[in-house]
Amino acid sequence: MKKVLLCFGIFLFLITGCVRYKESNIIDDLDKKITKNKAYYLEGVLEIVNDENIYNYNVEVSYKKDNNYKVSLVNTSNNHEQIILKNSDGVYVITHQSTQL
């Protein structure tokens, strides 16, 4: 009985693991999921290369239905933060004032 269950489990594993899933199907499924979403949040790192200078930023993005979003950019070298905010009233860019003299 144990051998039968083991063989059945291996058989199921092989069948489900060997199904072909094309790249175009993955992209289509992802596109459908993105368009159905009402909101999302993501984090990432942005690297800007300007001649010989490299600037790194921590990026946080929050999106809500009807094109409302908030983007936070924090410079990793000096912790300078800038926020881009869009809502039904308009688009705002907020830069925090430095308290250092």
PDB file of N, CA and C in Angstrom:
ATOM      1  N   MET A   1       0.825  -1.200   0.000  1.00  0.00           N
ATOM      2  CA  MET A   1       0.000   0.000   0.000  1.00  0.00           C
ATOM      3  C   MET A   1       0.868   1.263   0.000  1.00  0.00           C
ATOM      4  N   LYS A   2       1.948   1.228   0.820  1.00  0.00           N
ATOM      5  CA  LYS A   2       2.836   2.389   0.875  1.00  0.00           C
ATOM      6  C   LYS A   2       3.538   2.609  -0.461  1.00  0.00           C
ATOM      7  N   LYS A   3       3.911   1.502  -1.110  1.00  0.00           N
ATOM      8  CA  LYS A   3       4.575   1.609  -2.410  1.00  0.00           C
ATOM      9  C   LYS A   3       3.647   2.212  -3.454  1.00  0.00           C
ATOM     10  N   VAL A   4       2.374   1.862  -3.395  1.00  0.00           N
ATOM     11  CA  VAL A   4       1.389   2.390  -4.345  1.00  0.00           C
ATOM     12  C   VAL A   4       1.226   3.885  -4.139  1.00  0.00           C
ATOM     13  N   LEU A   5       1.116   4.317  -2.872  1.00  0.00           N
ATOM     14  CA  LEU A   5       0.978   5.742  -2.586  1.00  0.00           C
ATOM     15  C   LEU A   5       2.226   6.516  -2.992  1.00  0.00           C
ATOM     16  N   LEU A   6       3.398   5.926  -2.745  1.00  0.00           N
ATOM     17  CA  LEU A   6       4.639   6.566  -3.131  1.00  0.00           C
ATOM     18  C   LEU A   6       4.736   6.712  -4.646  1.00  0.00           C
ATOM     19  N   CYS A   7       4.409   5.663  -5.367  1.00  0.00           N
ATOM     20  CA  CYS A   7       4.425   5.715  -6.838  1.00  0.00           C
ATOM     21  C   CYS A   7       3.415   6.729  -7.365  1.00  0.00           C
ATOM     22  N   PHE A   8       2.247   6.768  -6.765  1.00  0.00           N
ATOM     23  CA  PHE A   8       1.214   7.729  -7.175  1.00  0.00           C
ATOM     24  C   PHE A   8       1.684   9.156  -6.918  1.00  0.00           C
ATOM     25  N   GLY A   9       2.325   9.403  -5.762  1.00  0.00           N
ATOM     26  CA  GLY A   9       2.847  10.736  -5.452  1.00  0.00           C
ATOM     27  C   GLY A   9       3.923  11.167  -6.428  1.00  0.00           C
ATOM     28  N   ILE A  10       4.842  10.256  -6.745  1.00  0.00           N
ATOM     29  CA  ILE A  10       5.900  10.568  -7.708  1.00  0.00           C
ATOM     30  C   ILE A  10       5.298  10.833  -9.087  1.00  0.00           C
ATOM     31  N   PHE A  11       4.314  10.047  -9.476  1.00  0.00           N
ATOM     32  CA  PHE A  11       3.636  10.227 -10.758  1.00  0.00           C
ATOM     33  C   PHE A  11       2.990  11.610 -10.835  1.00  0.00           C
ATOM     34  N   LEU A  12       2.291  12.011  -9.792  1.00  0.00           N
ATOM     35  CA  LEU A  12       1.663  13.338  -9.782  1.00  0.00           C
ATOM     36  C   LEU A  12       2.710  14.446  -9.836  1.00  0.00           C
ATOM     37  N   PHE A  13       3.779  14.277  -9.104  1.00  0.00           N
ATOM     38  CA  PHE A  13       4.850  15.267  -9.103  1.00  0.00           C
ATOM     39  C   PHE A  13       5.438  15.433 -10.496  1.00  0.00           C
ATOM     40  N   LEU A  14       5.689  14.338 -11.175  1.00  0.00           N
ATOM     41  CA  LEU A  14       6.265  14.410 -12.517  1.00  0.00           C
ATOM     42  C   LEU A  14       5.315  15.050 -13.512  1.00  0.00           C
ATOM     43  N   ILE A  15       4.040  14.725 -13.416  1.00  0.00           N
ATOM     44  CA  ILE A  15       3.061  15.306 -14.350  1.00  0.00           C
ATOM     45  C   ILE A  15       2.932  16.807 -14.142  1.00  0.00           C
ATOM     46  N   THR A  16       2.810  17.246 -12.904  1.00  0.00           N
ATOM     47  CA  THR A  16       2.645  18.678 -12.652  1.00  0.00           C
ATOM     48  C   THR A  16       3.928  19.446 -12.906  1.00  0.00           C
ATOM     49  N   GLY A  17       5.073  18.832 -12.706  1.00  0.00           N
ATOM     50  CA  GLY A  17       6.346  19.509 -12.921  1.00  0.00           C
ATOM     51  C   GLY A  17       6.751  19.595 -14.375  1.00  0.00           C
ATOM     52  N   CYS A  18       6.184  18.799 -15.227  1.00  0.00           N
ATOM     53  CA  CYS A  18       6.585  18.750 -16.630  1.00  0.00           C
ATOM     54  C   CYS A  18       5.642  19.514 -17.560  1.00  0.00           C
ATOM     55  N   VAL A  19       4.693  20.232 -17.016  1.00  0.00           N
ATOM     56  CA  VAL A  19       3.760  20.992 -17.849  1.00  0.00           C
ATOM     57  C   VAL A  19       4.505  22.170 -18.466  1.00  0.00           C
ATOM     58  N   ARG A  20       4.328  22.362 -19.748  1.00  0.00           N
ATOM     59  CA  ARG A  20       4.972  23.476 -20.444  1.00  0.00           C
ATOM     60  C   ARG A  20       4.182  24.753 -20.203  1.00  0.00           C
ATOM     61  N   TYR A  21       4.899  25.807 -19.802  1.00  0.00           N
ATOM     62  CA  TYR A  21       4.292  27.106 -19.581  1.00  0.00           C
ATOM     63  C   TYR A  21       5.129  28.104 -20.354  1.00  0.00           C
ATOM     64  N   LYS A  22       4.605  28.606 -21.464  1.00  0.00           N
ATOM     65  CA  LYS A  22       5.368  29.461 -22.366  1.00  0.00           C
ATOM     66  C   LYS A  22       5.524  30.859 -21.777  1.00  0.00           C
ATOM     67  N   GLU A  23       6.558  31.542 -22.252  1.00  0.00           N
ATOM     68  CA  GLU A  23       6.840  32.898 -21.792  1.00  0.00           C
ATOM     69  C   GLU A  23       5.672  33.845 -22.089  1.00  0.00           C
ATOM     70  N   SER A  24       5.050  33.690 -23.247  1.00  0.00           N
ATOM     71  CA  SER A  24       3.926  34.559 -23.604  1.00  0.00           C
ATOM     72  C   SER A  24       2.748  34.347 -22.656  1.00  0.00           C
ATOM     73  N   ASN A  25       2.541  33.114 -22.190  1.00  0.00           N
ATOM     74  CA  ASN A  25       1.471  32.843 -21.228  1.00  0.00           C
ATOM     75  C   ASN A  25       1.760  33.516 -19.891  1.00  0.00           C
ATOM     76  N   ILE A  26       3.019  33.484 -19.476  1.00  0.00           N
ATOM     77  CA  ILE A  26       3.398  34.121 -18.220  1.00  0.00           C
ATOM     78  C   ILE A  26       3.165  35.621 -18.296  1.00  0.00           C
ATOM     79  N   ILE A  27       3.571  36.243 -19.402  1.00  0.00           N
ATOM     80  CA  ILE A  27       3.399  37.689 -19.571  1.00  0.00           C
ATOM     81  C   ILE A  27       1.919  38.052 -19.625  1.00  0.00           C
ATOM     82  N   ASP A  28       1.120  37.273 -20.333  1.00  0.00           N
ATOM     83  CA  ASP A  28      -0.323  37.537 -20.409  1.00  0.00           C
ATOM     84  C   ASP A  28      -0.977  37.416 -19.036  1.00  0.00           C
ATOM     85  N   ASP A  29      -0.618  36.376 -18.275  1.00  0.00           N
ATOM     86  CA  ASP A  29      -1.175  36.203 -16.938  1.00  0.00           C
ATOM     87  C   ASP A  29      -0.776  37.346 -16.021  1.00  0.00           C
ATOM     88  N   LEU A  30       0.483  37.783 -16.109  1.00  0.00           N
ATOM     89  CA  LEU A  30       0.945  38.899 -15.292  1.00  0.00           C
ATOM     90  C   LEU A  30       0.211  40.174 -15.670  1.00  0.00           C
ATOM     91  N   ASP A  31       0.009  40.411 -16.957  1.00  0.00           N
ATOM     92  CA  ASP A  31      -0.708  41.597 -17.419  1.00  0.00           C
ATOM     93  C   ASP A  31      -2.145  41.602 -16.895  1.00  0.00           C
ATOM     94  N   LYS A  32      -2.803  40.451 -16.907  1.00  0.00           N
ATOM     95  CA  LYS A  32      -4.171  40.362 -16.390  1.00  0.00           C
ATOM     96  C   LYS A  32      -4.221  40.657 -14.899  1.00  0.00           C
ATOM     97  N   LYS A  33      -3.248  40.134 -14.152  1.00  0.00           N
ATOM     98  CA  LYS A  33      -3.222  40.373 -12.712  1.00  0.00           C
ATOM     99  C   LYS A  33      -2.960  41.839 -12.399  1.00  0.00           C
ATOM    100  N   ILE A  34      -2.082  42.466 -13.167  1.00  0.00           N
ATOM    101  CA  ILE A  34      -1.771  43.878 -12.933  1.00  0.00           C
ATOM    102  C   ILE A  34      -2.986  44.749 -13.215  1.00  0.00           C
ATOM    103  N   THR A  35      -3.697  44.483 -14.300  1.00  0.00           N
ATOM    104  CA  THR A  35      -4.853  45.318 -14.634  1.00  0.00           C
ATOM    105  C   THR A  35      -6.013  45.107 -13.669  1.00  0.00           C
ATOM    106  N   LYS A  36      -6.096  43.961 -13.016  1.00  0.00           N
ATOM    107  CA  LYS A  36      -7.151  43.709 -12.035  1.00  0.00           C
ATOM    108  C   LYS A  36      -6.862  44.357 -10.686  1.00  0.00           C
ATOM    109  N   ASN A  37      -5.590  44.625 -10.386  1.00  0.00           N
ATOM    110  CA  ASN A  37      -5.215  45.182  -9.086  1.00  0.00           C
ATOM    111  C   ASN A  37      -5.794  46.567  -8.883  1.00  0.00           C
ATOM    112  N   LYS A  38      -6.206  46.830  -7.665  1.00  0.00           N
ATOM    113  CA  LYS A  38      -6.687  48.155  -7.305  1.00  0.00           C
ATOM    114  C   LYS A  38      -5.605  48.955  -6.598  1.00  0.00           C
ATOM    115  N   ALA A  39      -4.580  48.265  -6.111  1.00  0.00           N
ATOM    116  CA  ALA A  39      -3.477  48.936  -5.421  1.00  0.00           C
ATOM    117  C   ALA A  39      -2.283  48.004  -5.392  1.00  0.00           C
ATOM    118  N   TYR A  40      -1.091  48.611  -5.259  1.00  0.00           N
ATOM    119  CA  TYR A  40       0.112  47.813  -5.069  1.00  0.00           C
ATOM    120  C   TYR A  40       1.167  48.641  -4.359  1.00  0.00           C
ATOM    121  N   TYR A  41       2.169  47.952  -3.825  1.00  0.00           N
ATOM    122  CA  TYR A  41       3.291  48.578  -3.137  1.00  0.00           C
ATOM    123  C   TYR A  41       4.560  47.874  -3.595  1.00  0.00           C
ATOM    124  N   LEU A  42       5.595  48.655  -3.867  1.00  0.00           N
ATOM    125  CA  LEU A  42       6.858  48.033  -4.234  1.00  0.00           C
ATOM    126  C   LEU A  42       8.022  48.818  -3.669  1.00  0.00           C
ATOM    127  N   GLU A  43       9.119  48.116  -3.488  1.00  0.00           N
ATOM    128  CA  GLU A  43      10.358  48.717  -3.010  1.00  0.00           C
ATOM    129  C   GLU A  43      11.471  48.320  -3.965  1.00  0.00           C
ATOM    130  N   GLY A  44      12.456  49.193  -4.093  1.00  0.00           N
ATOM    131  CA  GLY A  44      13.568  48.872  -4.958  1.00  0.00           C
ATOM    132  C   GLY A  44      14.730  49.807  -4.734  1.00  0.00           C
ATOM    133  N   VAL A  45      15.780  49.594  -5.487  1.00  0.00           N
ATOM    134  CA  VAL A  45      16.967  50.431  -5.434  1.00  0.00           C
ATOM    135  C   VAL A  45      17.180  51.005  -6.828  1.00  0.00           C
ATOM    136  N   LEU A  46      17.371  52.314  -6.890  1.00  0.00           N
ATOM    137  CA  LEU A  46      17.604  53.019  -8.148  1.00  0.00           C
ATOM    138  C   LEU A  46      19.055  53.473  -8.173  1.00  0.00           C
ATOM    139  N   GLU A  47      19.743  53.171  -9.263  1.00  0.00           N
ATOM    140  CA  GLU A  47      21.127  53.602  -9.426  1.00  0.00           C
ATOM    141  C   GLU A  47      21.197  54.513 -10.643  1.00  0.00           C
ATOM    142  N   ILE A  48      21.654  55.735 -10.430  1.00  0.00           N
ATOM    143  CA  ILE A  48      21.789  56.705 -11.518  1.00  0.00           C
ATOM    144  C   ILE A  48      23.276  56.920 -11.772  1.00  0.00           C
ATOM    145  N   VAL A  49      23.689  56.723 -13.023  1.00  0.00           N
ATOM    146  CA  VAL A  49      25.079  56.930 -13.404  1.00  0.00           C
ATOM    147  C   VAL A  49      25.134  58.187 -14.255  1.00  0.00           C
ATOM    148  N   ASN A  50      25.911  59.166 -13.787  1.00  0.00           N
ATOM    149  CA  ASN A  50      26.062  60.439 -14.486  1.00  0.00           C
ATOM    150  C   ASN A  50      27.562  60.689 -14.643  1.00  0.00           C
ATOM    151  N   ASP A  51      28.065  60.481 -15.848  1.00  0.00           N
ATOM    152  CA  ASP A  51      29.500  60.540 -16.120  1.00  0.00           C
ATOM    153  C   ASP A  51      30.222  59.571 -15.180  1.00  0.00           C
ATOM    154  N   GLU A  52      31.026  60.093 -14.255  1.00  0.00           N
ATOM    155  CA  GLU A  52      31.763  59.229 -13.333  1.00  0.00           C
ATOM    156  C   GLU A  52      31.074  59.130 -11.968  1.00  0.00           C
ATOM    157  N   ASN A  53      29.987  59.849 -11.781  1.00  0.00           N
ATOM    158  CA  ASN A  53      29.280  59.835 -10.494  1.00  0.00           C
ATOM    159  C   ASN A  53      28.169  58.798 -10.508  1.00  0.00           C
ATOM    160  N   ILE A  54      28.027  58.112  -9.385  1.00  0.00           N
ATOM    161  CA  ILE A  54      26.953  57.133  -9.221  1.00  0.00           C
ATOM    162  C   ILE A  54      26.124  57.539  -8.014  1.00  0.00           C
ATOM    163  N   TYR A  55      24.825  57.649  -8.196  1.00  0.00           N
ATOM    164  CA  TYR A  55      23.900  58.011  -7.124  1.00  0.00           C
ATOM    165  C   TYR A  55      22.965  56.829  -6.872  1.00  0.00           C
ATOM    166  N   ASN A  56      22.824  56.448  -5.609  1.00  0.00           N
ATOM    167  CA  ASN A  56      21.945  55.346  -5.238  1.00  0.00           C
ATOM    168  C   ASN A  56      20.778  55.870  -4.414  1.00  0.00           C
ATOM    169  N   TYR A  57      19.582  55.396  -4.730  1.00  0.00           N
ATOM    170  CA  TYR A  57      18.369  55.803  -4.034  1.00  0.00           C
ATOM    171  C   TYR A  57      17.565  54.574  -3.637  1.00  0.00           C
ATOM    172  N   ASN A  58      17.012  54.601  -2.437  1.00  0.00           N
ATOM    173  CA  ASN A  58      16.001  53.624  -2.046  1.00  0.00           C
ATOM    174  C   ASN A  58      14.665  54.168  -2.504  1.00  0.00           C
ATOM    175  N   VAL A  59      13.896  53.360  -3.194  1.00  0.00           N
ATOM    176  CA  VAL A  59      12.641  53.807  -3.789  1.00  0.00           C
ATOM    177  C   VAL A  59      11.487  52.996  -3.202  1.00  0.00           C
ATOM    178  N   GLU A  60      10.417  53.693  -2.805  1.00  0.00           N
ATOM    179  CA  GLU A  60       9.180  53.051  -2.367  1.00  0.00           C
ATOM    180  C   GLU A  60       8.038  53.659  -3.173  1.00  0.00           C
ATOM    181  N   VAL A  61       7.202  52.802  -3.741  1.00  0.00           N
ATOM    182  CA  VAL A  61       6.084  53.267  -4.551  1.00  0.00           C
ATOM    183  C   VAL A  61       4.801  52.646  -4.024  1.00  0.00           C
ATOM    184  N   SER A  62       3.802  53.490  -3.793  1.00  0.00           N
ATOM    185  CA  SER A  62       2.464  53.032  -3.424  1.00  0.00           C
ATOM    186  C   SER A  62       1.510  53.533  -4.488  1.00  0.00           C
ATOM    187  N   TYR A  63       0.699  52.640  -5.038  1.00  0.00           N
ATOM    188  CA  TYR A  63      -0.248  52.990  -6.089  1.00  0.00           C
ATOM    189  C   TYR A  63      -1.641  52.578  -5.650  1.00  0.00           C
ATOM    190  N   LYS A  64      -2.584  53.439  -5.924  1.00  0.00           N
ATOM    191  CA  LYS A  64      -3.980  53.144  -5.634  1.00  0.00           C
ATOM    192  C   LYS A  64      -4.799  53.460  -6.875  1.00  0.00           C
ATOM    193  N   LYS A  65      -5.889  52.745  -7.039  1.00  0.00           N
ATOM    194  CA  LYS A  65      -6.778  52.895  -8.193  1.00  0.00           C
ATOM    195  C   LYS A  65      -7.024  54.370  -8.522  1.00  0.00           C
ATOM    196  N   ASP A  66      -7.313  54.652  -9.774  1.00  0.00           N
ATOM    197  CA  ASP A  66      -7.568  55.995 -10.306  1.00  0.00           C
ATOM    198  C   ASP A  66      -6.299  56.841 -10.366  1.00  0.00           C
ATOM    199  N   ASN A  67      -5.145  56.178 -10.577  1.00  0.00           N
ATOM    200  CA  ASN A  67      -3.862  56.859 -10.761  1.00  0.00           C
ATOM    201  C   ASN A  67      -3.441  57.734  -9.592  1.00  0.00           C
ATOM    202  N   ASN A  68      -3.703  57.308  -8.385  1.00  0.00           N
ATOM    203  CA  ASN A  68      -3.190  57.971  -7.196  1.00  0.00           C
ATOM    204  C   ASN A  68      -1.937  57.217  -6.766  1.00  0.00           C
ATOM    205  N   TYR A  69      -0.850  57.955  -6.551  1.00  0.00           N
ATOM    206  CA  TYR A  69       0.370  57.280  -6.160  1.00  0.00           C
ATOM    207  C   TYR A  69       1.254  58.163  -5.298  1.00  0.00           C
ATOM    208  N   LYS A  70       2.188  57.500  -4.617  1.00  0.00           N
ATOM    209  CA  LYS A  70       3.193  58.169  -3.806  1.00  0.00           C
ATOM    210  C   LYS A  70       4.521  57.486  -4.088  1.00  0.00           C
ATOM    211  N   VAL A  71       5.528  58.279  -4.447  1.00  0.00           N
ATOM    212  CA  VAL A  71       6.865  57.771  -4.713  1.00  0.00           C
ATOM    213  C   VAL A  71       7.813  58.436  -3.731  1.00  0.00           C
ATOM    214  N   SER A  72       8.543  57.644  -2.982  1.00  0.00           N
ATOM    215  CA  SER A  72       9.515  58.163  -2.032  1.00  0.00           C
ATOM    216  C   SER A  72      10.911  57.772  -2.503  1.00  0.00           C
ATOM    217  N   LEU A  73      11.780  58.777  -2.653  1.00  0.00           N
ATOM    218  CA  LEU A  73      13.163  58.563  -3.073  1.00  0.00           C
ATOM    219  C   LEU A  73      14.081  59.014  -1.947  1.00  0.00           C
ATOM    220  N   VAL A  74      14.929  58.128  -1.455  1.00  0.00           N
ATOM    221  CA  VAL A  74      15.858  58.469  -0.382  1.00  0.00           C
ATOM    222  C   VAL A  74      17.278  58.219  -0.873  1.00  0.00           C
ATOM    223  N   ASN A  75      18.088  59.287  -0.893  1.00  0.00           N
ATOM    224  CA  ASN A  75      19.480  59.177  -1.297  1.00  0.00           C
ATOM    225  C   ASN A  75      20.225  58.417  -0.207  1.00  0.00           C
ATOM    226  N   THR A  76      20.913  57.339  -0.581  1.00  0.00           N
ATOM    227  CA  THR A  76      21.575  56.507   0.422  1.00  0.00           C
ATOM    228  C   THR A  76      22.821  57.156   1.011  1.00  0.00           C
ATOM    229  N   SER A  77      23.416  58.116   0.327  1.00  0.00           N
ATOM    230  CA  SER A  77      24.639  58.727   0.841  1.00  0.00           C
ATOM    231  C   SER A  77      24.382  59.816   1.872  1.00  0.00           C
ATOM    232  N   ASN A  78      23.283  60.573   1.727  1.00  0.00           N
ATOM    233  CA  ASN A  78      23.034  61.672   2.665  1.00  0.00           C
ATOM    234  C   ASN A  78      21.628  61.651   3.275  1.00  0.00           C
ATOM    235  N   ASN A  79      20.856  60.597   3.034  1.00  0.00           N
ATOM    236  CA  ASN A  79      19.486  60.429   3.563  1.00  0.00           C
ATOM    237  C   ASN A  79      18.539  61.553   3.167  1.00  0.00           C
ATOM    238  N   HIS A  80      18.829  62.265   2.085  1.00  0.00           N
ATOM    239  CA  HIS A  80      17.925  63.292   1.580  1.00  0.00           C
ATOM    240  C   HIS A  80      16.716  62.588   0.948  1.00  0.00           C
ATOM    241  N   GLU A  81      15.514  62.980   1.367  1.00  0.00           N
ATOM    242  CA  GLU A  81      14.295  62.329   0.883  1.00  0.00           C
ATOM    243  C   GLU A  81      13.472  63.298   0.051  1.00  0.00           C
ATOM    244  N   GLN A  82      12.916  62.763  -1.024  1.00  0.00           N
ATOM    245  CA  GLN A  82      12.005  63.526  -1.862  1.00  0.00           C
ATOM    246  C   GLN A  82      10.789  62.645  -2.120  1.00  0.00           C
ATOM    247  N   ILE A  83       9.602  63.257  -2.034  1.00  0.00           N
ATOM    248  CA  ILE A  83       8.358  62.525  -2.218  1.00  0.00           C
ATOM    249  C   ILE A  83       7.590  63.142  -3.373  1.00  0.00           C
ATOM    250  N   ILE A  84       7.119  62.290  -4.265  1.00  0.00           N
ATOM    251  CA  ILE A  84       6.236  62.711  -5.353  1.00  0.00           C
ATOM    252  C   ILE A  84       4.869  62.133  -5.039  1.00  0.00           C
ATOM    253  N   LEU A  85       3.879  62.997  -4.962  1.00  0.00           N
ATOM    254  CA  LEU A  85       2.532  62.587  -4.558  1.00  0.00           C
ATOM    255  C   LEU A  85       1.538  63.032  -5.616  1.00  0.00           C
ATOM    256  N   LYS A  86       0.716  62.115  -6.106  1.00  0.00           N
ATOM    257  CA  LYS A  86      -0.334  62.463  -7.053  1.00  0.00           C
ATOM    258  C   LYS A  86      -1.657  61.959  -6.516  1.00  0.00           C
ATOM    259  N   ASN A  87      -2.618  62.871  -6.427  1.00  0.00           N
ATOM    260  CA  ASN A  87      -3.984  62.509  -6.040  1.00  0.00           C
ATOM    261  C   ASN A  87      -4.951  63.302  -6.914  1.00  0.00           C
ATOM    262  N   SER A  88      -6.207  63.309  -6.560  1.00  0.00           N
ATOM    263  CA  SER A  88      -7.206  63.988  -7.390  1.00  0.00           C
ATOM    264  C   SER A  88      -7.020  65.504  -7.411  1.00  0.00           C
ATOM    265  N   ASP A  89      -6.301  66.058  -6.439  1.00  0.00           N
ATOM    266  CA  ASP A  89      -6.062  67.499  -6.398  1.00  0.00           C
ATOM    267  C   ASP A  89      -4.900  67.947  -7.286  1.00  0.00           C
ATOM    268  N   GLY A  90      -3.977  67.047  -7.599  1.00  0.00           N
ATOM    269  CA  GLY A  90      -2.843  67.416  -8.433  1.00  0.00           C
ATOM    270  C   GLY A  90      -1.615  66.591  -8.115  1.00  0.00           C
ATOM    271  N   VAL A  91      -0.469  67.079  -8.612  1.00  0.00           N
ATOM    272  CA  VAL A  91       0.819  66.419  -8.388  1.00  0.00           C
ATOM    273  C   VAL A  91       1.666  67.334  -7.522  1.00  0.00           C
ATOM    274  N   TYR A  92       2.270  66.751  -6.483  1.00  0.00           N
ATOM    275  CA  TYR A  92       3.080  67.526  -5.545  1.00  0.00           C
ATOM    276  C   TYR A  92       4.443  66.870  -5.407  1.00  0.00           C
ATOM    277  N   VAL A  93       5.485  67.708  -5.307  1.00  0.00           N
ATOM    278  CA  VAL A  93       6.832  67.232  -5.025  1.00  0.00           C
ATOM    279  C   VAL A  93       7.230  67.832  -3.687  1.00  0.00           C
ATOM    280  N   ILE A  94       7.531  66.973  -2.734  1.00  0.00           N
ATOM    281  CA  ILE A  94       7.835  67.411  -1.376  1.00  0.00           C
ATOM    282  C   ILE A  94       9.291  67.082  -1.095  1.00  0.00           C
ATOM    283  N   THR A  95      10.051  68.103  -0.706  1.00  0.00           N
ATOM    284  CA  THR A  95      11.443  67.919  -0.332  1.00  0.00           C
ATOM    285  C   THR A  95      11.585  68.378   1.102  1.00  0.00           C
ATOM    286  N   HIS A  96      12.093  67.505   1.953  1.00  0.00           N
ATOM    287  CA  HIS A  96      12.253  67.838   3.349  1.00  0.00           C
ATOM    288  C   HIS A  96      13.426  68.797   3.520  1.00  0.00           C
ATOM    289  N   GLN A  97      13.235  69.796   4.384  1.00  0.00           N
ATOM    290  CA  GLN A  97      14.273  70.775   4.630  1.00  0.00           C
ATOM    291  C   GLN A  97      15.302  70.176   5.562  1.00  0.00           C
ATOM    292  N   SER A  98      16.554  70.407   5.267  1.00  0.00           N
ATOM    293  CA  SER A  98      17.635  69.909   6.098  1.00  0.00           C
ATOM    294  C   SER A  98      17.728  70.750   7.358  1.00  0.00           C
ATOM    295  N   THR A  99      17.950  70.104   8.502  1.00  0.00           N
ATOM    296  CA  THR A  99      18.049  70.825   9.777  1.00  0.00           C
ATOM    297  C   THR A  99      19.490  71.068  10.163  1.00  0.00           C
ATOM    298  N   GLN A 100      20.433  70.634   9.347  1.00  0.00           N
ATOM    299  CA  GLN A 100      21.850  70.853   9.642  1.00  0.00           C
ATOM    300  C   GLN A 100      22.256  72.258   9.243  1.00  0.00           C
ATOM    301  N   LEU A 101      23.132  72.865  10.042  1.00  0.00           N
ATOM    302  CA  LEU A 101      23.625  74.218   9.750  1.00  0.00           C
ATOM    303  C   LEU A 101      25.015  74.180   9.215  1.00  0.00           C
TER     304      LEU A 101
END
